[in-house]
Structure formats: C-alpha cells, structure tokens
C-alpha cells in the first residue's frame, strides 16, 4: 500500500509576524488613548457637578437673604439692605433712577459678592465697583448686610474684619468642599478666624451673584444669575482678577453678528479661552443697563497683534456694540446659571 506523505505546514514568515505585531500595536494604542480621555471626561464631569452643587447652595443663600433680610425686614421696619441704594444709584457719575424720559424700566445691575468684597478690602475703588471703578467699572459690588457692618442695621453687633472674612468664606464657598485631617475627621482648626469650631474649607469653588429688578418700581422682585468660580482666590484677590475689554470696532444689531474684537490691555487674563463667559456690562445714561452674558466659542489671539482678541460668541450679540462698551472678564469663572426670580412667595414672574 502506498502511503501519502503528510502535508507539511510551513511556519509563519517574518513579514506575517511584523504585520501581526503592527495590528496588535494599533489596538493597544487605541486602548491606551481611552484612559487619558476618560480621565479628562471624569474631571470635567466632576467640575460640572461641583459647579451645579455650588450654584444650588448659592441660590438657597440668596433666597434666604432676600426673603428674610430684604423683603420681610424692609416691609416690617422700612430699613432696606444698603445694596438697595445701588439699584437706583450705582454712583460713579451715573444718574439716579428714575431718569426723566427713560424707556428702560429696569434697575441697575448689582453684583453681590461677599468674597470679592472682603478680598478687595483696602482697594476702595475695586471693592465697591467691579473691575476697579472709574469710567470702565460702573457695576456696583456689595456684600450681604448680615455679613458686613451696616450702620442702618441694629440687629447685629459690629464685627471685626476677621469675623467678616470668616462669615463671607462660610457663606460664599462650597459647603461640601471640606478639608479633612489624617484621621478622617473634618479640620476645625479655626486659628485666626475668630470663630470657634469653624470647619475649614478649601474654597476652590465659590460664587457670586448678579441681581437686577426687571421693573425697578417693584422693589421686591429681581432677576438672579449665579456665577460659580473654580480657583478664584478666596483671600486677597489679584488686581487682574477682573478686567474690562473694550471693543475696537462697532458691531451687533441691526446687522446681527456673533463676533467681537476686544482690547484687553497689556496683561491679557489667562482664563480668556473657548468655553468661558464674558459679560456685556455697559451702562449708559440713555437706558442701557442690562448685564448680558455670552459664552466664548472660539478665540483668536494672534491675528491682530498683542492685546486685541477676535472672539466668536456662541449666541448673537443682543444690542449694538460701540468702542465705549464694556465687556467684563472674570478670572476663574466656571459657569453662569440663570435662576428663577427673587421675589416674595406669592408672585407671578415679571418681565420688563
């Protein structure tokens, strides 16, 4: 019987091995790229979650303050929070409301910023006016009068600057951003704060608010926007923490545009990048006084040379822009939340 020899199975050639290694390398690289991308997404999700939590805390604080220390106290005693005076008169050369012949029924916007108020202590222009006062900074900054010493308020004793700082920090920073000891218990080392057993918080996430009456004649209804910051120094603030960019050309309606050219000075803030917010805070004597927020979509820092940035906005400009307009830029501003109006419990939403 004739036997058929078994077919020999040749081994893998060098070329096949190299191709297989190349395919495997592509797969490994694809898998490895998922880890940093996943870490970036997790970090962004954490920041978004912290921002939302801080905004909810701020919303609660503002409504408590508005109801108890503005509405109820104002109706009962006639003594209003000193922030009320800035709704009508932001000072710094602006006319007091109402202005004869004015067609805008809204009040001036007021920046409620307990941390900023304390941080700029010693710099009166910056403490009382956002971005430093003068012709470029017309939006008034105030704290809450249960934190500061208000001569018209006799319900609270005079507080030292240390106590005011402690109260501001406790009010305007994220409550859950707690520093823990090695034992796992919250750090209550209150040395230098003047308050015993004060839980130490990191202060990375903190907030401010912009409030404005849509109809100034209605004293107890105001629009509310919450500003959440990531990394804004809760102590002594650097002088470039708030800046004003001045448009170098007119734009906006009636030819609706989403592009803006701003001159931000010799030291541009490092936080001005895609995804951040800027505020049109232009105030004039002719009825322009609504603070309008825009998110930056893209930014070109090279084409027009130093200091001049071409900014594309996510939404069109809502009002004409001139070379005297003021756009406010805030260091560390993470998100802007549009919240329901501040008002007594039995109100219906009010529009201008």
Protein backbone atom coordinates (compact mmCIF):
# COMPACT_ATOMS: atom_id res chain seq x y z
CA UNK A 1 0.00 0.00 0.00
CA UNK A 2 1.31 3.34 -0.97
CA UNK A 3 1.33 5.93 1.81
CA UNK A 4 0.73 9.59 1.09
CA UNK A 5 3.19 11.71 2.99
CA UNK A 6 1.58 14.24 5.37
CA UNK A 7 1.44 17.79 4.01
CA UNK A 8 3.98 19.95 5.66
CA UNK A 9 2.63 23.08 7.39
CA UNK A 10 5.01 25.94 6.78
CA UNK A 11 5.82 28.29 9.71
CA UNK A 12 4.98 32.00 9.90
CA UNK A 13 7.12 34.20 7.79
CA UNK A 14 8.86 37.29 9.19
CA UNK A 15 6.53 39.55 7.22
CA UNK A 16 3.44 37.95 8.77
CA UNK A 17 4.86 38.36 12.25
CA UNK A 18 5.60 42.05 11.64
CA UNK A 19 2.07 42.65 10.28
CA UNK A 20 0.54 40.91 13.31
CA UNK A 21 2.64 42.99 15.71
CA UNK A 22 1.63 46.17 13.86
CA UNK A 23 -2.08 45.33 14.14
CA UNK A 24 -1.69 44.49 17.83
CA UNK A 25 0.19 47.75 18.44
CA UNK A 26 -2.62 49.73 16.85
CA UNK A 27 -5.11 48.05 19.13
CA UNK A 28 -3.01 48.68 22.24
CA UNK A 29 -2.53 52.35 21.34
CA UNK A 30 -6.27 52.71 20.80
CA UNK A 31 -6.94 51.21 24.23
CA UNK A 32 -4.31 53.36 25.94
CA UNK A 33 -5.76 56.57 24.50
CA UNK A 34 -9.05 55.80 26.20
CA UNK A 35 -7.53 56.17 29.67
CA UNK A 36 -6.45 59.87 29.44
CA UNK A 37 -9.63 60.73 27.55
CA UNK A 38 -11.66 59.03 30.24
CA UNK A 39 -9.74 60.88 32.96
CA UNK A 40 -10.38 64.21 31.21
CA UNK A 41 -14.09 63.44 30.90
CA UNK A 42 -14.28 62.40 34.56
CA UNK A 43 -12.53 65.59 35.62
CA UNK A 44 -14.91 67.73 33.58
CA UNK A 45 -17.91 65.82 34.94
CA UNK A 46 -16.65 66.43 38.49
CA UNK A 47 -16.21 70.15 37.84
CA UNK A 48 -19.70 70.37 36.32
CA UNK A 49 -21.19 68.53 39.29
CA UNK A 50 -19.39 70.77 41.78
CA UNK A 51 -20.49 73.86 39.86
CA UNK A 52 -24.13 72.75 39.96
CA UNK A 53 -23.91 71.98 43.69
CA UNK A 54 -22.32 75.35 44.40
CA UNK A 55 -25.00 77.11 42.33
CA UNK A 56 -27.77 75.38 44.28
CA UNK A 57 -26.15 76.43 47.55
CA UNK A 58 -25.82 79.99 46.29
CA UNK A 59 -29.44 80.01 45.15
CA UNK A 60 -30.55 78.94 48.63
CA UNK A 61 -28.36 81.57 50.32
CA UNK A 62 -29.64 84.34 48.05
CA UNK A 63 -33.29 83.43 48.56
CA UNK A 64 -32.85 83.24 52.32
CA UNK A 65 -31.17 86.64 52.34
CA UNK A 66 -33.75 88.18 50.01
CA UNK A 67 -36.75 86.85 51.89
CA UNK A 68 -35.65 87.43 55.49
CA UNK A 69 -33.33 90.41 55.28
CA UNK A 70 -34.78 92.28 52.30
CA UNK A 71 -38.49 91.57 51.87
CA UNK A 72 -39.58 90.83 55.44
CA UNK A 73 -37.25 93.31 57.11
CA UNK A 74 -37.99 96.01 54.56
CA UNK A 75 -41.75 95.60 54.89
CA UNK A 76 -41.62 95.41 58.69
CA UNK A 77 -39.16 98.17 59.52
CA UNK A 78 -38.66 100.14 56.33
CA UNK A 79 -34.88 99.57 56.68
CA UNK A 80 -33.61 98.13 53.42
CA UNK A 81 -30.30 96.46 52.75
CA UNK A 82 -27.72 99.00 51.61
CA UNK A 83 -27.48 97.07 48.32
CA UNK A 84 -30.89 98.56 47.56
CA UNK A 85 -29.41 102.02 47.12
CA UNK A 86 -27.27 100.75 44.25
CA UNK A 87 -30.28 99.50 42.29
CA UNK A 88 -31.24 103.17 41.96
CA UNK A 89 -27.85 104.85 42.15
CA UNK A 90 -24.64 102.96 41.24
CA UNK A 91 -22.75 106.25 41.78
CA UNK A 92 -19.59 106.93 39.77
CA UNK A 93 -21.31 109.54 37.64
CA UNK A 94 -24.41 107.53 36.69
CA UNK A 95 -27.81 109.26 37.05
CA UNK A 96 -30.15 108.22 39.82
CA UNK A 97 -33.29 106.35 38.79
CA UNK A 98 -35.88 107.13 37.63
CA UNK A 99 -34.45 109.13 34.73
CA UNK A 100 -36.92 111.51 33.04
CA UNK A 101 -37.90 110.19 29.61
CA UNK A 102 -36.17 106.84 30.22
CA UNK A 103 -37.70 103.92 28.28
CA UNK A 104 -35.96 101.14 30.24
CA UNK A 105 -37.96 100.25 33.38
CA UNK A 106 -35.22 98.01 34.81
CA UNK A 107 -32.93 98.92 37.70
CA UNK A 108 -29.15 98.97 37.54
CA UNK A 109 -27.50 95.54 38.00
CA UNK A 110 -25.86 94.89 41.37
CA UNK A 111 -23.01 92.41 41.93
CA UNK A 112 -23.48 90.54 45.23
CA UNK A 113 -20.02 89.18 46.03
CA UNK A 114 -19.18 88.55 49.71
CA UNK A 115 -15.74 87.08 48.95
CA UNK A 116 -14.79 89.78 46.48
CA UNK A 117 -15.94 92.48 48.89
CA UNK A 118 -13.58 91.13 51.56
CA UNK A 119 -10.76 90.25 49.16
CA UNK A 120 -10.55 93.80 47.82
CA UNK A 121 -10.61 95.33 51.28
CA UNK A 122 -8.10 98.17 51.16
CA UNK A 123 -8.82 98.92 47.50
CA UNK A 124 -11.99 101.05 47.75
CA UNK A 125 -12.48 101.51 44.00
CA UNK A 126 -12.33 97.76 43.36
CA UNK A 127 -14.28 96.87 46.47
CA UNK A 128 -17.28 98.98 45.56
CA UNK A 129 -17.10 98.78 41.74
CA UNK A 130 -16.48 95.66 39.68
CA UNK A 131 -13.14 95.79 37.83
CA UNK A 132 -11.92 98.87 39.58
CA UNK A 133 -14.30 101.77 39.20
CA UNK A 134 -13.58 104.75 37.01
CA UNK A 135 -15.26 105.20 33.64
CA UNK A 136 -14.79 101.49 32.88
CA UNK A 137 -16.24 99.94 36.02
CA UNK A 138 -19.77 101.09 36.71
CA UNK A 139 -21.41 97.96 38.13
CA UNK A 140 -21.55 98.23 41.94
CA UNK A 141 -20.29 95.40 44.18
CA UNK A 142 -21.91 94.72 47.54
CA UNK A 143 -21.87 92.07 50.23
CA UNK A 144 -24.81 90.93 52.37
CA UNK A 145 -25.50 93.21 55.28
CA UNK A 146 -25.69 90.37 57.79
CA UNK A 147 -22.01 89.75 56.97
CA UNK A 148 -20.71 93.33 56.99
CA UNK A 149 -21.26 96.21 59.37
CA UNK A 150 -24.33 98.09 58.23
CA UNK A 151 -24.96 101.32 60.14
CA UNK A 152 -28.68 101.09 59.37
CA UNK A 153 -28.91 97.55 60.74
CA UNK A 154 -29.05 97.28 64.54
CA UNK A 155 -29.89 93.58 64.62
CA UNK A 156 -26.23 92.55 64.57
CA UNK A 157 -23.28 93.79 66.63
CA UNK A 158 -20.26 95.33 64.96
CA UNK A 159 -17.96 92.66 63.53
CA UNK A 160 -14.22 92.76 63.14
CA UNK A 161 -12.67 92.34 59.69
CA UNK A 162 -11.61 88.83 60.75
CA UNK A 163 -15.20 87.87 61.54
CA UNK A 164 -16.46 89.43 58.32
CA UNK A 165 -13.92 87.39 56.35
CA UNK A 166 -14.95 84.20 58.16
CA UNK A 167 -18.66 84.82 57.53
CA UNK A 168 -18.01 85.64 53.86
CA UNK A 169 -15.96 82.47 53.42
CA UNK A 170 -18.60 80.32 55.08
CA UNK A 171 -21.39 81.88 53.03
CA UNK A 172 -19.88 82.01 49.53
CA UNK A 173 -17.78 78.84 49.28
CA UNK A 174 -18.99 75.34 48.56
CA UNK A 175 -20.22 73.82 51.82
CA UNK A 176 -19.04 70.28 50.97
CA UNK A 177 -15.51 71.36 49.98
CA UNK A 178 -14.23 70.36 53.43
CA UNK A 179 -10.62 69.83 54.47
CA UNK A 180 -10.11 66.60 56.43
CA UNK A 181 -7.48 65.59 58.97
CA UNK A 182 -5.43 62.40 58.61
CA UNK A 183 -7.90 60.72 60.98
CA UNK A 184 -10.73 61.32 58.52
CA UNK A 185 -12.48 63.96 60.64
CA UNK A 186 -13.14 67.50 59.39
CA UNK A 187 -10.44 70.02 60.19
CA UNK A 188 -11.83 72.55 62.68
CA UNK A 189 -8.63 74.49 63.23
CA UNK A 190 -10.12 77.97 63.36
CA UNK A 191 -6.93 79.74 64.36
CA UNK A 192 -7.09 83.37 63.34
CA UNK A 193 -10.74 83.32 62.24
CA UNK A 194 -12.27 84.48 65.50
CA UNK A 195 -14.86 81.69 65.29
CA UNK A 196 -14.59 78.54 67.39
CA UNK A 197 -15.05 75.14 65.74
CA UNK A 198 -15.21 76.59 62.23
CA UNK A 199 -14.88 73.79 59.68
CA UNK A 200 -12.00 74.52 57.32
CA UNK A 201 -12.97 74.54 53.66
CA UNK A 202 -10.66 74.66 50.67
CA UNK A 203 -12.60 77.43 48.97
CA UNK A 204 -11.80 76.29 45.44
CA UNK A 205 -15.45 76.50 44.36
CA UNK A 206 -17.11 79.77 45.32
CA UNK A 207 -19.83 82.01 43.99
CA UNK A 208 -21.13 85.50 43.40
CA UNK A 209 -24.45 86.73 42.00
CA UNK A 210 -25.83 89.48 39.78
CA UNK A 211 -29.30 90.71 40.65
CA UNK A 212 -31.40 93.29 38.80
CA UNK A 213 -35.01 94.35 39.08
CA UNK A 214 -36.75 93.88 35.71
CA UNK A 215 -39.15 96.65 36.81
CA UNK A 216 -37.45 98.95 39.28
CA UNK A 217 -40.73 100.19 40.69
CA UNK A 218 -41.40 96.70 42.04
CA UNK A 219 -38.87 96.72 44.88
CA UNK A 220 -39.03 93.06 45.88
CA UNK A 221 -38.74 91.21 42.53
CA UNK A 222 -35.33 90.75 40.93
CA UNK A 223 -33.73 88.59 38.25
CA UNK A 224 -30.93 86.37 39.52
CA UNK A 225 -27.82 84.95 37.90
CA UNK A 226 -25.34 82.83 39.84
CA UNK A 227 -21.64 82.92 38.94
CA UNK A 228 -19.60 79.88 40.01
CA UNK A 229 -15.81 80.21 40.16
CA UNK A 230 -13.19 77.47 40.10
CA UNK A 231 -9.95 78.52 41.74
CA UNK A 232 -10.77 82.18 42.33
CA UNK A 233 -8.65 83.18 45.34
CA UNK A 234 -10.96 83.48 48.37
CA UNK A 235 -8.47 85.72 50.19
CA UNK A 236 -6.62 88.72 48.84
CA UNK A 237 -7.60 88.96 45.17
CA UNK A 238 -5.07 89.87 42.48
CA UNK A 239 -5.77 93.12 40.70
CA UNK A 240 -6.21 91.30 37.37
CA UNK A 241 -8.94 89.01 38.76
CA UNK A 242 -11.49 91.21 36.97
CA UNK A 243 -10.76 93.08 33.78
CA UNK A 244 -12.66 95.08 31.20
CA UNK A 245 -12.24 94.54 27.49
CA UNK A 246 -13.11 97.47 25.23
CA UNK A 247 -14.35 96.77 21.68
CA UNK A 248 -12.12 98.17 18.96
CA UNK A 249 -14.96 98.37 16.43
CA UNK A 250 -18.71 98.77 16.44
CA UNK A 251 -20.91 95.75 15.82
CA UNK A 252 -24.05 93.90 16.82
CA UNK A 253 -27.61 94.76 15.77
CA UNK A 254 -29.10 95.69 13.40
CA UNK A 255 -26.57 93.61 11.44
CA UNK A 256 -26.60 90.68 13.85
CA UNK A 257 -23.14 89.26 14.44
CA UNK A 258 -21.53 86.77 16.77
CA UNK A 259 -18.03 88.20 16.50
CA UNK A 260 -16.39 90.68 18.82
CA UNK A 261 -12.94 92.31 18.79
CA UNK A 262 -11.75 93.24 22.30
CA UNK A 263 -8.71 95.06 23.58
CA UNK A 264 -7.97 93.54 26.99
CA UNK A 265 -4.88 95.56 27.90
CA UNK A 266 -1.20 94.76 28.21
CA UNK A 267 -1.68 91.76 30.50
CA UNK A 268 -4.43 89.61 29.00
CA UNK A 269 -6.12 87.33 31.56
CA UNK A 270 -5.00 83.74 31.07
CA UNK A 271 -8.52 82.42 31.59
CA UNK A 272 -9.96 84.04 28.44
CA UNK A 273 -10.37 80.97 26.26
CA UNK A 274 -13.05 78.97 24.44
CA UNK A 275 -15.88 77.89 26.73
CA UNK A 276 -15.54 80.77 29.21
CA UNK A 277 -18.05 83.55 29.78
CA UNK A 278 -17.83 87.30 29.25
CA UNK A 279 -20.39 89.92 30.29
CA UNK A 280 -21.57 92.98 28.44
CA UNK A 281 -21.91 95.27 31.45
CA UNK A 282 -22.27 98.53 29.55
CA UNK A 283 -24.17 101.18 31.49
CA UNK A 284 -25.16 104.46 29.88
CA UNK A 285 -27.29 107.47 30.71
CA UNK A 286 -29.70 106.61 27.89
CA UNK A 287 -31.25 103.48 29.36
CA UNK A 288 -28.66 100.77 28.53
CA UNK A 289 -28.11 98.97 31.82
CA UNK A 290 -28.82 95.24 31.48
CA UNK A 291 -25.94 92.87 32.12
CA UNK A 292 -25.85 90.36 29.23
CA UNK A 293 -23.77 87.16 29.29
CA UNK A 294 -22.13 85.42 26.33
CA UNK A 295 -20.17 82.17 26.12
CA UNK A 296 -16.95 82.29 24.11
CA UNK A 297 -16.94 79.77 21.25
CA UNK A 298 -13.53 80.42 19.69
CA UNK A 299 -10.83 83.00 20.27
CA UNK A 300 -8.02 84.27 18.03
CA UNK A 301 -5.15 85.86 19.97
CA UNK A 302 -2.68 86.15 17.11
CA UNK A 303 -4.19 87.82 14.04
CA UNK A 304 -4.48 91.37 15.38
CA UNK A 305 -1.31 91.52 17.43
CA UNK A 306 -0.96 91.87 21.21
CA UNK A 307 -3.91 92.85 23.41
CA UNK A 308 -6.54 92.54 20.62
CA UNK A 309 -8.59 89.34 20.58
CA UNK A 310 -11.07 88.22 17.94
CA UNK A 311 -13.83 86.43 19.86
CA UNK A 312 -16.59 84.33 18.32
CA UNK A 313 -19.62 84.06 20.58
CA UNK A 314 -21.97 81.12 20.92
CA UNK A 315 -25.01 83.38 20.55
CA UNK A 316 -25.51 86.64 18.61
CA UNK A 317 -24.98 90.00 20.26
CA UNK A 318 -28.25 91.30 21.67
CA UNK A 319 -27.51 95.02 21.41
CA UNK A 320 -25.25 97.34 19.45
CA UNK A 321 -21.61 97.44 20.45
CA UNK A 322 -19.55 100.64 20.37
CA UNK A 323 -15.98 101.48 21.28
CA UNK A 324 -17.29 102.74 24.63
CA UNK A 325 -18.95 99.43 25.54
CA UNK A 326 -17.51 97.46 28.46
CA UNK A 327 -17.13 93.67 28.44
CA UNK A 328 -16.20 92.21 31.81
CA UNK A 329 -13.81 89.25 32.09
CA UNK A 330 -13.59 87.30 35.36
CA UNK A 331 -10.68 85.11 36.38
CA UNK A 332 -11.69 81.55 37.19
CA UNK A 333 -15.33 81.93 36.13
CA UNK A 334 -16.54 78.38 35.51
CA UNK A 335 -20.27 78.72 34.80
CA UNK A 336 -23.16 81.19 34.81
CA UNK A 337 -26.56 79.90 35.93
CA UNK A 338 -29.80 81.71 35.12
CA UNK A 339 -32.06 81.14 38.17
CA UNK A 340 -35.74 81.90 38.87
CA UNK A 341 -36.51 85.39 40.08
CA UNK A 342 -36.04 86.52 43.67
CA UNK A 343 -39.44 87.55 44.95
CA UNK A 344 -41.98 87.16 47.76
CA UNK A 345 -43.63 83.71 47.82
CA UNK A 346 -46.88 84.87 46.18
CA UNK A 347 -45.58 86.43 42.97
CA UNK A 348 -46.02 85.90 39.27
CA UNK A 349 -42.99 86.09 37.02
CA UNK A 350 -42.39 89.67 35.98
CA UNK A 351 -40.75 90.79 32.75
CA UNK A 352 -39.55 94.27 31.73
